[in-house]
Amino acid sequence: MGFVALSGIAVLNGVVLINCFNDLHREGVKGQDLIHQGTDLRIRPVLMTALVEIFGFLPMMLSSGVGSEVQRPLASVVIGGVVSSTLLTLVVLPVLVSLLEKKIWRENEVEL
């Protein structure tokens, strides 16, 4: 259950960032400006999504009542996964896009 929630958030954050890169590329922004502007534009939505998820699972992680032995590990894993996937989305994804930028958009461009 936690893995499904975590994978959904991670994929959504990646799609939001890549969509922003594509929009900026269509506007003519290229190179490092594309990466910087795209990441700057989408850092707040990505961080807000992650923080909502973390604060939503925090009561489960800190609970000590009946059933907490099931809830606590699930919440801990999801919170750790959200933190790591957010860092990967904001650091690794822009680096990969910058490395593969020419190949990505050169293959997808259609000459009219």
C-alpha atoms as a PDB file:
ATOM      1  CA  MET A   1       0.000   0.000   0.000  1.00  0.00           C
ATOM      2  CA  GLY A   2       2.751   2.440   0.919  1.00  0.00           C
ATOM      3  CA  PHE A   3       4.735   1.578  -2.197  1.00  0.00           C
ATOM      4  CA  VAL A   4       1.751   2.421  -4.415  1.00  0.00           C
ATOM      5  CA  ALA A   5       1.314   5.821  -2.747  1.00  0.00           C
ATOM      6  CA  LEU A   6       5.030   6.500  -2.913  1.00  0.00           C
ATOM      7  CA  SER A   7       5.409   5.541  -6.558  1.00  0.00           C
ATOM      8  CA  GLY A   8       2.441   7.713  -7.514  1.00  0.00           C
ATOM      9  CA  ILE A   9       3.926  10.787  -5.855  1.00  0.00           C
ATOM     10  CA  ALA A  10       7.396  10.165  -7.307  1.00  0.00           C
ATOM     11  CA  VAL A  11       6.093   9.696 -10.839  1.00  0.00           C
ATOM     12  CA  LEU A  12       3.813  12.731 -10.585  1.00  0.00           C
ATOM     13  CA  ASN A  13       6.690  14.958  -9.483  1.00  0.00           C
ATOM     14  CA  GLY A  14       8.846  13.732 -12.356  1.00  0.00           C
ATOM     15  CA  VAL A  15       6.071  14.282 -14.886  1.00  0.00           C
ATOM     16  CA  VAL A  16       5.478  17.823 -13.614  1.00  0.00           C
ATOM     17  CA  LEU A  17       9.160  18.676 -13.983  1.00  0.00           C
ATOM     18  CA  ILE A  18       9.595  17.074 -17.418  1.00  0.00           C
ATOM     19  CA  ASN A  19       6.420  18.778 -18.669  1.00  0.00           C
ATOM     20  CA  CYS A  20       7.828  22.130 -17.589  1.00  0.00           C
ATOM     21  CA  PHE A  21      11.101  21.376 -19.407  1.00  0.00           C
ATOM     22  CA  ASN A  22       9.135  20.499 -22.566  1.00  0.00           C
ATOM     23  CA  ASP A  23       7.095  23.711 -22.360  1.00  0.00           C
ATOM     24  CA  LEU A  24      10.218  25.821 -21.948  1.00  0.00           C
ATOM     25  CA  HIS A  25      11.891  24.027 -24.853  1.00  0.00           C
ATOM     26  CA  ARG A  26       8.894  24.818 -27.077  1.00  0.00           C
ATOM     27  CA  GLU A  27       9.318  28.481 -26.100  1.00  0.00           C
ATOM     28  CA  GLY A  28      12.912  28.357 -27.332  1.00  0.00           C
ATOM     29  CA  VAL A  29      14.793  28.082 -24.039  1.00  0.00           C
ATOM     30  CA  LYS A  30      17.802  25.781 -24.328  1.00  0.00           C
ATOM     31  CA  GLY A  31      20.826  24.584 -22.397  1.00  0.00           C
ATOM     32  CA  GLN A  32      21.397  25.379 -18.759  1.00  0.00           C
ATOM     33  CA  ASP A  33      18.757  28.127 -18.848  1.00  0.00           C
ATOM     34  CA  LEU A  34      16.161  25.449 -19.579  1.00  0.00           C
ATOM     35  CA  ILE A  35      17.223  23.396 -16.565  1.00  0.00           C
ATOM     36  CA  HIS A  36      17.481  26.381 -14.211  1.00  0.00           C
ATOM     37  CA  GLN A  37      14.192  27.990 -15.228  1.00  0.00           C
ATOM     38  CA  GLY A  38      12.287  24.703 -15.236  1.00  0.00           C
ATOM     39  CA  THR A  39      13.569  23.665 -11.840  1.00  0.00           C
ATOM     40  CA  ASP A  40      12.945  27.122 -10.395  1.00  0.00           C
ATOM     41  CA  LEU A  41       9.383  27.154 -11.711  1.00  0.00           C
ATOM     42  CA  ARG A  42       8.497  23.717 -10.375  1.00  0.00           C
ATOM     43  CA  ILE A  43      10.442  23.446  -7.126  1.00  0.00           C
ATOM     44  CA  ARG A  44       7.556  24.834  -5.060  1.00  0.00           C
ATOM     45  CA  PRO A  45       4.874  22.433  -6.364  1.00  0.00           C
ATOM     46  CA  VAL A  46       7.216  19.455  -5.981  1.00  0.00           C
ATOM     47  CA  LEU A  47       8.191  20.428  -2.433  1.00  0.00           C
ATOM     48  CA  MET A  48       4.589  21.184  -1.460  1.00  0.00           C
ATOM     49  CA  THR A  49       3.460  17.766  -2.671  1.00  0.00           C
ATOM     50  CA  ALA A  50       6.226  16.085  -0.702  1.00  0.00           C
ATOM     51  CA  LEU A  51       5.554  18.084   2.464  1.00  0.00           C
ATOM     52  CA  VAL A  52       1.825  17.337   2.346  1.00  0.00           C
ATOM     53  CA  GLU A  53       2.610  13.638   2.075  1.00  0.00           C
ATOM     54  CA  ILE A  54       5.153  13.792   4.904  1.00  0.00           C
ATOM     55  CA  PHE A  55       2.893  15.763   7.250  1.00  0.00           C
ATOM     56  CA  GLY A  56       0.002  13.442   6.397  1.00  0.00           C
ATOM     57  CA  PHE A  57       1.942  10.353   7.435  1.00  0.00           C
ATOM     58  CA  LEU A  58       3.659  11.950  10.446  1.00  0.00           C
ATOM     59  CA  PRO A  59       0.777  11.216  12.883  1.00  0.00           C
ATOM     60  CA  MET A  60       0.846   7.573  11.781  1.00  0.00           C
ATOM     61  CA  MET A  61       4.582   7.398  12.373  1.00  0.00           C
ATOM     62  CA  LEU A  62       4.329   8.939  15.845  1.00  0.00           C
ATOM     63  CA  SER A  63       1.267   6.983  16.962  1.00  0.00           C
ATOM     64  CA  SER A  64       1.478   4.647  19.929  1.00  0.00           C
ATOM     65  CA  GLY A  65      -2.091   3.386  20.228  1.00  0.00           C
ATOM     66  CA  VAL A  66      -3.772   0.193  19.148  1.00  0.00           C
ATOM     67  CA  GLY A  67      -2.656  -0.859  15.679  1.00  0.00           C
ATOM     68  CA  SER A  68       0.377   1.375  15.659  1.00  0.00           C
ATOM     69  CA  GLU A  69       2.680  -1.609  15.164  1.00  0.00           C
ATOM     70  CA  VAL A  70       1.309  -1.825  11.617  1.00  0.00           C
ATOM     71  CA  GLN A  71       1.004   1.891  10.916  1.00  0.00           C
ATOM     72  CA  ARG A  72       4.411   3.022  12.133  1.00  0.00           C
ATOM     73  CA  PRO A  73       6.580   0.985   9.716  1.00  0.00           C
ATOM     74  CA  LEU A  74       4.336   1.876   6.779  1.00  0.00           C
ATOM     75  CA  ALA A  75       4.503   5.583   7.562  1.00  0.00           C
ATOM     76  CA  SER A  76       8.254   5.484   8.142  1.00  0.00           C
ATOM     77  CA  VAL A  77       8.887   3.842   4.793  1.00  0.00           C
ATOM     78  CA  VAL A  78       6.612   6.245   2.930  1.00  0.00           C
ATOM     79  CA  ILE A  79       8.156   9.319   4.578  1.00  0.00           C
ATOM     80  CA  GLY A  80      11.683   8.116   3.825  1.00  0.00           C
ATOM     81  CA  GLY A  81      10.716   7.271   0.277  1.00  0.00           C
ATOM     82  CA  VAL A  82       9.078  10.654  -0.303  1.00  0.00           C
ATOM     83  CA  VAL A  83      12.166  12.466   0.974  1.00  0.00           C
ATOM     84  CA  SER A  84      14.523  10.419  -1.211  1.00  0.00           C
ATOM     85  CA  SER A  85      12.305  10.563  -4.308  1.00  0.00           C
ATOM     86  CA  THR A  86      11.935  14.330  -3.960  1.00  0.00           C
ATOM     87  CA  LEU A  87      15.701  14.756  -3.776  1.00  0.00           C
ATOM     88  CA  LEU A  88      16.127  12.495  -6.785  1.00  0.00           C
ATOM     89  CA  THR A  89      13.486  14.424  -8.710  1.00  0.00           C
ATOM     90  CA  LEU A  90      15.053  17.797  -7.948  1.00  0.00           C
ATOM     91  CA  VAL A  91      18.693  16.775  -8.403  1.00  0.00           C
ATOM     92  CA  VAL A  92      19.087  13.684 -10.590  1.00  0.00           C
ATOM     93  CA  LEU A  93      16.300  14.379 -13.089  1.00  0.00           C
ATOM     94  CA  PRO A  94      17.598  17.840 -14.106  1.00  0.00           C
ATOM     95  CA  VAL A  95      21.134  16.434 -14.403  1.00  0.00           C
ATOM     96  CA  LEU A  96      19.904  13.629 -16.671  1.00  0.00           C
ATOM     97  CA  VAL A  97      17.898  16.055 -18.789  1.00  0.00           C
ATOM     98  CA  SER A  98      20.910  18.337 -19.182  1.00  0.00           C
ATOM     99  CA  LEU A  99      23.099  15.400 -20.212  1.00  0.00           C
ATOM    100  CA  LEU A 100      20.564  14.004 -22.666  1.00  0.00           C
ATOM    101  CA  GLU A 101      19.015  17.303 -23.813  1.00  0.00           C
ATOM    102  CA  LYS A 102      20.319  17.296 -27.372  1.00  0.00           C
ATOM    103  CA  LYS A 103      19.409  13.675 -27.942  1.00  0.00           C
ATOM    104  CA  ILE A 104      15.920  14.004 -26.406  1.00  0.00           C
ATOM    105  CA  TRP A 105      14.708  16.972 -28.431  1.00  0.00           C
ATOM    106  CA  ARG A 106      16.683  16.304 -31.623  1.00  0.00           C
ATOM    107  CA  GLU A 107      14.925  12.955 -32.082  1.00  0.00           C
ATOM    108  CA  ASN A 108      11.494  14.437 -31.326  1.00  0.00           C
ATOM    109  CA  GLU A 109      11.730  17.490 -33.570  1.00  0.00           C
ATOM    110  CA  VAL A 110       9.874  17.284 -36.856  1.00  0.00           C
ATOM    111  CA  GLU A 111      10.948  19.425 -39.761  1.00  0.00           C
ATOM    112  CA  LEU A 112       8.094  21.210 -41.491  1.00  0.00           C
END
